[in-house]
Amino acid sequence: MDGKRVMRIIKWAVGIDLAVVAAEYAMAYRMFNGFLLRKDDIYEDDMPADRNYSGRKYHKAYLAGIRENQKIKGEDVTITSDDGLELMGTWYPAENAKRTIILAHGYHSSWQKDFAGMVPWYHDNGSNLLMIEERAHRRSEGSYITMGIRESEDIVKWAEFLNGRFGDALPLYFHGVSMGAATVLMSQGEILPPNMAGIIADCGFTSCYDISLTVVKRSMGLLAYPLLYRSNLYANRIAKIDMKEKENPKILAHAKIPTLFIHGTGDHFVPCDMTVKNYSAAACEKRLVLVEGAPHAMSWFYDTERYKKAVADFFEEHDA
């Protein structure tokens, strides 16, 4: 083989490798970057995250719920995260409150969207509500999303803020959807306040690594594993996390807080099997509600009455 041909092969190999490296970095950057979320508006024509969304008959109700949430006039509150970020939330107290709930939204989303329809029901049924804006979303500071890894520490700071301001006489709950659900489950690995009464996790994933692998495999097939391996190196560099740092099945094996798991069987974004795996691993008192056919984050609309009953029963058992 002549020298010129060898050089062409080397250049070709180097070019392929550089292209792969660029793809890996771009994938990691898009996955964790929050720069695109600085806008303060919410687009009412947004579809839910599940691109295979088949429940268009529920879309009007979904948009109506978003608009209703947008009209809520609560109190803006702030905390500072352990790594120095100013995080924003909306405090919405209820008269004669029976409990307090912190609502945690999902990836590239907002509480107005992910809790469409739920906020008025919660409030009307005696729940103080704190609707948080996750780091790197909307008004909260931060450049990078960490898929629940740092957000689970943030939500504990929010709980400490509430107890410091209002006391711990009322039972406290976390309710998360999608990434917010993974966040509240991961919080079981933190030191939680004594008035922590329960956790509601709607369509949560098992870990940052697992959901990233699922999404990448969907588009990249067998290339997902090598791509994700080096993407994790970039995640460590740019977002200061290891994608395998917190795995919910391992955390939940030592969980003590009663947990209600909810997931739609028609979810093509976060596989329903992930909630089943989390549920199976949980050592705490637990319940599982699977909503037949519901796409990602749409169980509330697919079977509202069943969702309400499951949550109301959960409160009845754990409010005391």
Protein backbone atom coordinates (compact mmCIF):
# COMPACT_ATOMS: atom_id res chain seq x y z
CA MET A 1 0.00 0.00 0.00
CA ASP A 2 1.55 3.32 -1.06
CA GLY A 3 2.04 6.25 1.32
CA LYS A 4 -0.55 8.49 -0.34
CA ARG A 5 -3.27 5.86 0.09
CA VAL A 6 -2.30 5.35 3.73
CA MET A 7 -2.56 9.10 4.33
CA ARG A 8 -5.99 9.18 2.67
CA ILE A 9 -7.21 6.36 4.93
CA ILE A 10 -5.82 8.11 8.02
CA LYS A 11 -7.46 11.39 7.05
CA TRP A 12 -10.74 9.58 6.38
CA ALA A 13 -10.59 7.82 9.77
CA VAL A 14 -9.70 11.04 11.59
CA GLY A 15 -12.54 12.85 9.83
CA ILE A 16 -15.06 10.16 10.82
CA ASP A 17 -13.83 10.25 14.41
CA LEU A 18 -14.07 14.04 14.59
CA ALA A 19 -17.59 13.89 13.18
CA VAL A 20 -18.59 11.32 15.80
CA VAL A 21 -17.02 13.39 18.59
CA ALA A 22 -18.89 16.48 17.35
CA ALA A 23 -22.16 14.51 17.25
CA GLU A 24 -21.60 13.23 20.79
CA TYR A 25 -20.87 16.68 22.15
CA ALA A 26 -23.84 18.20 20.31
CA MET A 27 -26.11 15.47 21.70
CA ALA A 28 -24.91 16.05 25.26
CA TYR A 29 -25.13 19.82 24.86
CA ARG A 30 -28.70 19.68 23.57
CA MET A 31 -29.72 17.18 26.23
CA PHE A 32 -28.55 19.26 29.18
CA ASN A 33 -28.45 22.84 27.90
CA GLY A 34 -31.06 25.20 29.28
CA PHE A 35 -30.21 28.30 27.27
CA LEU A 36 -33.24 27.87 25.02
CA LEU A 37 -35.61 28.01 28.00
CA ARG A 38 -35.11 31.61 29.04
CA LYS A 39 -38.38 32.70 27.44
CA ASP A 40 -41.14 33.51 29.89
CA ASP A 41 -44.03 32.61 27.60
CA ILE A 42 -45.87 29.34 27.11
CA TYR A 43 -47.09 28.40 23.67
CA GLU A 44 -50.69 27.29 23.83
CA ASP A 45 -50.41 25.26 20.63
CA ASP A 46 -47.66 23.07 22.11
CA MET A 47 -48.34 19.38 21.97
CA PRO A 48 -47.30 17.14 24.87
CA ALA A 49 -43.77 15.68 24.75
CA ASP A 50 -44.93 12.33 23.36
CA ARG A 51 -44.57 12.71 19.58
CA ASN A 52 -46.74 9.64 19.05
CA TYR A 53 -49.49 11.49 20.87
CA SER A 54 -52.80 9.94 19.87
CA GLY A 55 -55.19 11.64 22.27
CA ARG A 56 -56.15 14.67 20.24
CA LYS A 57 -59.66 14.53 21.65
CA TYR A 58 -58.10 15.60 24.98
CA HIS A 59 -56.04 18.40 23.49
CA LYS A 60 -58.68 21.11 23.99
CA ALA A 61 -58.95 20.20 27.66
CA TYR A 62 -55.16 20.23 27.93
CA LEU A 63 -54.94 23.74 26.42
CA ALA A 64 -57.82 24.96 28.60
CA GLY A 65 -55.93 23.71 31.65
CA ILE A 66 -52.79 25.59 30.58
CA ARG A 67 -54.77 28.81 30.11
CA GLU A 68 -56.40 28.38 33.52
CA ASN A 69 -53.00 27.92 35.16
CA GLN A 70 -51.66 31.01 33.40
CA LYS A 71 -54.35 33.11 35.13
CA ILE A 72 -53.27 32.06 38.64
CA LYS A 73 -52.01 34.97 40.73
CA GLY A 74 -49.70 33.58 43.35
CA GLU A 75 -46.73 35.00 45.21
CA ASP A 76 -43.32 34.84 43.58
CA VAL A 77 -40.81 33.20 45.92
CA THR A 78 -37.12 32.40 45.56
CA ILE A 79 -34.44 30.20 47.05
CA THR A 80 -30.74 29.76 46.41
CA SER A 81 -29.58 26.29 45.39
CA ASP A 82 -26.57 24.60 46.94
CA ASP A 83 -24.53 25.62 43.90
CA GLY A 84 -25.61 29.26 44.08
CA LEU A 85 -28.48 29.49 41.58
CA GLU A 86 -31.54 31.64 42.23
CA LEU A 87 -34.59 29.44 41.71
CA MET A 88 -38.11 30.74 41.27
CA GLY A 89 -41.45 29.41 42.42
CA THR A 90 -45.09 30.46 42.77
CA TRP A 91 -46.73 30.13 46.18
CA TYR A 92 -50.50 29.57 45.98
CA PRO A 93 -52.02 29.03 49.45
CA ALA A 94 -55.46 27.57 50.11
CA GLU A 95 -57.95 28.55 52.81
CA ASN A 96 -58.15 26.06 55.67
CA ALA A 97 -55.37 24.05 54.10
CA LYS A 98 -55.02 20.37 54.97
CA ARG A 99 -51.64 19.83 53.32
CA THR A 100 -48.90 21.45 51.24
CA ILE A 101 -47.74 20.13 47.87
CA ILE A 102 -44.64 21.04 45.87
CA LEU A 103 -45.22 20.54 42.14
CA ALA A 104 -42.21 19.67 39.95
CA HIS A 105 -42.58 19.88 36.17
CA GLY A 106 -40.78 17.98 33.43
CA TYR A 107 -37.93 18.48 30.96
CA HIS A 108 -38.25 21.57 28.73
CA SER A 109 -41.68 22.20 30.23
CA SER A 110 -43.42 24.19 32.97
CA TRP A 111 -45.88 23.66 35.82
CA GLN A 112 -48.54 25.48 33.79
CA LYS A 113 -48.34 22.72 31.18
CA ASP A 114 -47.56 19.57 33.16
CA PHE A 115 -50.18 20.26 35.84
CA ALA A 116 -52.86 21.49 33.46
CA GLY A 117 -56.20 20.67 35.07
CA MET A 118 -54.66 19.59 38.37
CA VAL A 119 -53.78 22.90 40.04
CA PRO A 120 -57.39 24.17 40.51
CA TRP A 121 -58.51 20.74 41.75
CA TYR A 122 -55.68 20.55 44.26
CA HIS A 123 -56.28 24.09 45.46
CA ASP A 124 -60.05 23.66 45.78
CA ASN A 125 -59.48 20.52 47.85
CA GLY A 126 -57.46 22.18 50.59
CA SER A 127 -53.90 22.05 49.25
CA ASN A 128 -51.36 24.82 49.58
CA LEU A 129 -49.32 24.70 46.40
CA LEU A 130 -45.77 25.65 45.58
CA MET A 131 -45.20 25.42 41.82
CA ILE A 132 -41.48 25.47 41.20
CA GLU A 133 -39.57 26.38 38.07
CA GLU A 134 -36.74 23.88 37.72
CA ARG A 135 -33.17 25.10 37.29
CA ALA A 136 -32.46 26.34 33.74
CA HIS A 137 -36.20 26.66 33.05
CA ARG A 138 -38.08 29.94 32.61
CA ARG A 139 -37.14 32.40 35.39
CA SER A 140 -34.85 30.10 37.38
CA GLU A 141 -31.13 30.52 36.92
CA GLY A 142 -28.83 27.86 35.55
CA SER A 143 -27.35 26.91 32.22
CA TYR A 144 -27.81 23.16 32.43
CA ILE A 145 -30.59 20.68 33.16
CA THR A 146 -29.47 17.60 35.09
CA MET A 147 -32.47 15.30 34.63
CA GLY A 148 -33.27 15.12 38.33
CA ILE A 149 -29.74 14.72 39.67
CA ARG A 150 -29.34 18.26 41.04
CA GLU A 151 -33.06 19.05 40.86
CA SER A 152 -33.67 16.45 43.60
CA GLU A 153 -31.42 18.50 45.88
CA ASP A 154 -33.21 21.70 44.85
CA ILE A 155 -36.64 20.37 45.83
CA VAL A 156 -35.37 19.52 49.31
CA LYS A 157 -34.22 23.15 49.61
CA TRP A 158 -37.73 24.21 48.62
CA ALA A 159 -39.19 22.00 51.36
CA GLU A 160 -36.81 23.55 53.90
CA PHE A 161 -37.85 27.01 52.71
CA LEU A 162 -41.56 26.24 53.23
CA ASN A 163 -41.03 24.74 56.69
CA GLY A 164 -38.85 27.68 57.67
CA ARG A 165 -41.47 30.19 56.60
CA PHE A 166 -44.71 28.44 57.59
CA GLY A 167 -43.70 25.73 60.03
CA ASP A 168 -44.08 21.99 59.65
CA ALA A 169 -47.56 21.45 61.12
CA LEU A 170 -49.10 20.45 57.77
CA PRO A 171 -48.19 17.24 55.94
CA LEU A 172 -45.93 17.86 52.94
CA TYR A 173 -46.08 16.09 49.58
CA PHE A 174 -44.03 16.18 46.38
CA HIS A 175 -45.77 15.63 43.05
CA GLY A 176 -43.63 15.36 39.94
CA VAL A 177 -44.38 14.71 36.27
CA SER A 178 -41.83 13.16 33.87
CA MET A 179 -38.41 14.61 34.81
CA GLY A 180 -40.19 16.08 37.83
CA ALA A 181 -41.30 12.56 38.78
CA ALA A 182 -37.73 11.27 38.49
CA THR A 183 -36.70 14.27 40.61
CA VAL A 184 -39.12 13.56 43.47
CA LEU A 185 -38.16 9.89 43.47
CA MET A 186 -34.46 10.75 43.61
CA SER A 187 -35.21 13.03 46.57
CA GLN A 188 -35.74 9.88 48.64
CA GLY A 189 -31.97 9.62 48.67
CA GLU A 190 -31.74 13.01 50.41
CA ILE A 191 -32.54 13.96 54.00
CA LEU A 192 -36.23 14.87 53.89
CA PRO A 193 -38.09 16.99 56.48
CA PRO A 194 -40.05 15.24 59.27
CA ASN A 195 -43.44 16.37 57.92
CA MET A 196 -42.83 14.66 54.57
CA ALA A 197 -46.01 12.59 54.09
CA GLY A 198 -45.89 11.26 50.55
CA ILE A 199 -44.60 11.39 47.00
CA ILE A 200 -46.58 11.22 43.76
CA ALA A 201 -44.54 10.26 40.69
CA ASP A 202 -46.31 10.50 37.32
CA CYS A 203 -44.41 8.91 34.38
CA GLY A 204 -40.95 9.15 35.90
CA PHE A 205 -37.85 7.47 34.50
CA THR A 206 -35.32 5.25 36.23
CA SER A 207 -32.22 7.40 35.70
CA CYS A 208 -30.72 10.14 33.57
CA TYR A 209 -28.62 7.53 31.76
CA ASP A 210 -31.54 5.18 31.10
CA ILE A 211 -33.86 7.81 29.63
CA SER A 212 -31.01 9.27 27.55
CA LEU A 213 -30.21 5.81 26.22
CA THR A 214 -33.87 5.21 25.39
CA VAL A 215 -34.16 8.47 23.46
CA VAL A 216 -30.85 7.98 21.62
CA LYS A 217 -31.58 4.34 20.73
CA ARG A 218 -34.84 5.48 19.20
CA SER A 219 -32.95 7.59 16.68
CA MET A 220 -29.47 6.02 16.56
CA GLY A 221 -30.09 2.30 17.04
CA LEU A 222 -27.00 0.28 17.93
CA LEU A 223 -24.80 3.39 17.87
CA ALA A 224 -26.50 4.57 21.06
CA TYR A 225 -24.12 2.81 23.46
CA PRO A 226 -20.80 4.19 22.16
CA LEU A 227 -22.33 7.61 21.57
CA LEU A 228 -23.80 7.79 25.06
CA TYR A 229 -20.59 6.62 26.71
CA ARG A 230 -18.63 9.62 25.52
CA SER A 231 -21.63 11.91 25.89
CA ASN A 232 -21.50 11.10 29.59
CA LEU A 233 -17.93 12.41 29.65
CA TYR A 234 -19.17 15.65 28.14
CA ALA A 235 -22.08 15.78 30.58
CA ASN A 236 -19.54 15.58 33.38
CA ARG A 237 -17.56 18.41 31.82
CA ILE A 238 -20.35 20.82 30.92
CA ALA A 239 -23.08 20.02 33.47
CA LYS A 240 -20.88 18.61 36.26
CA ILE A 241 -22.87 15.38 36.53
CA ASP A 242 -22.42 11.68 35.96
CA MET A 243 -25.50 10.38 34.13
CA LYS A 244 -25.44 7.27 36.34
CA GLU A 245 -24.97 9.29 39.53
CA LYS A 246 -28.50 8.71 40.83
CA GLU A 247 -30.49 5.64 39.82
CA ASN A 248 -34.03 5.48 41.15
CA PRO A 249 -34.31 1.70 41.61
CA LYS A 250 -31.21 1.78 43.85
CA ILE A 251 -32.47 4.81 45.76
CA LEU A 252 -35.97 3.42 46.16
CA ALA A 253 -34.64 0.16 47.57
CA HIS A 254 -34.06 2.18 50.76
CA ALA A 255 -37.10 4.49 50.49
CA LYS A 256 -39.29 5.20 53.50
CA ILE A 257 -41.76 7.79 52.20
CA PRO A 258 -45.12 6.41 50.91
CA THR A 259 -45.17 6.73 47.13
CA LEU A 260 -47.93 6.73 44.53
CA PHE A 261 -46.68 5.72 41.07
CA ILE A 262 -48.74 6.69 37.98
CA HIS A 263 -48.00 6.00 34.31
CA GLY A 264 -49.86 5.72 31.02
CA THR A 265 -49.44 2.44 29.15
CA GLY A 266 -49.40 4.34 25.83
CA ASP A 267 -46.33 6.39 26.77
CA HIS A 268 -43.82 6.36 23.89
CA PHE A 269 -41.50 8.96 25.46
CA VAL A 270 -40.76 7.51 28.91
CA PRO A 271 -41.51 3.77 28.73
CA CYS A 272 -44.11 2.63 31.22
CA ASP A 273 -41.72 -0.20 32.16
CA MET A 274 -39.53 2.36 33.90
CA THR A 275 -42.26 3.16 36.42
CA VAL A 276 -42.93 -0.56 36.88
CA LYS A 277 -39.21 -1.04 37.59
CA ASN A 278 -39.19 1.87 40.07
CA TYR A 279 -42.32 0.55 41.76
CA SER A 280 -40.93 -2.98 42.04
CA ALA A 281 -37.72 -1.71 43.62
CA ALA A 282 -39.40 0.59 46.17
CA ALA A 283 -39.15 -0.58 49.78
CA CYS A 284 -41.65 2.02 51.02
CA GLU A 285 -45.42 1.77 51.21
CA LYS A 286 -46.48 2.06 47.59
CA ARG A 287 -49.29 2.05 45.06
CA LEU A 288 -49.22 1.69 41.28
CA VAL A 289 -51.81 3.15 38.90
CA LEU A 290 -51.44 2.33 35.19
CA VAL A 291 -53.76 4.30 32.91
CA GLU A 292 -54.63 2.29 29.82
CA GLY A 293 -53.53 3.91 26.56
CA ALA A 294 -52.48 7.25 28.05
CA PRO A 295 -49.52 8.93 26.29
CA HIS A 296 -46.73 10.71 28.10
CA ALA A 297 -47.91 13.00 30.93
CA MET A 298 -51.56 12.67 29.88
CA SER A 299 -52.93 10.19 32.42
CA TRP A 300 -54.91 12.96 34.15
CA PHE A 301 -56.90 13.62 30.98
CA TYR A 302 -57.31 10.00 29.92
CA ASP A 303 -58.89 8.95 33.21
CA THR A 304 -59.44 12.04 35.37
CA GLU A 305 -61.75 10.38 37.88
CA ARG A 306 -59.39 7.48 38.50
CA TYR A 307 -56.47 9.87 38.87
CA LYS A 308 -58.40 12.02 41.37
CA LYS A 309 -59.53 8.99 43.36
CA ALA A 310 -56.02 7.55 43.56
CA VAL A 311 -54.62 10.86 44.81
CA ALA A 312 -57.53 11.55 47.19
CA ASP A 313 -57.20 8.08 48.71
CA PHE A 314 -53.46 8.63 49.06
CA PHE A 315 -54.08 11.88 50.94
CA GLU A 316 -56.74 10.30 53.15
CA GLU A 317 -54.26 7.68 54.27
CA HIS A 318 -51.30 9.97 54.84
CA ASP A 319 -52.60 13.44 55.80
CA ALA A 320 -52.76 12.57 59.47
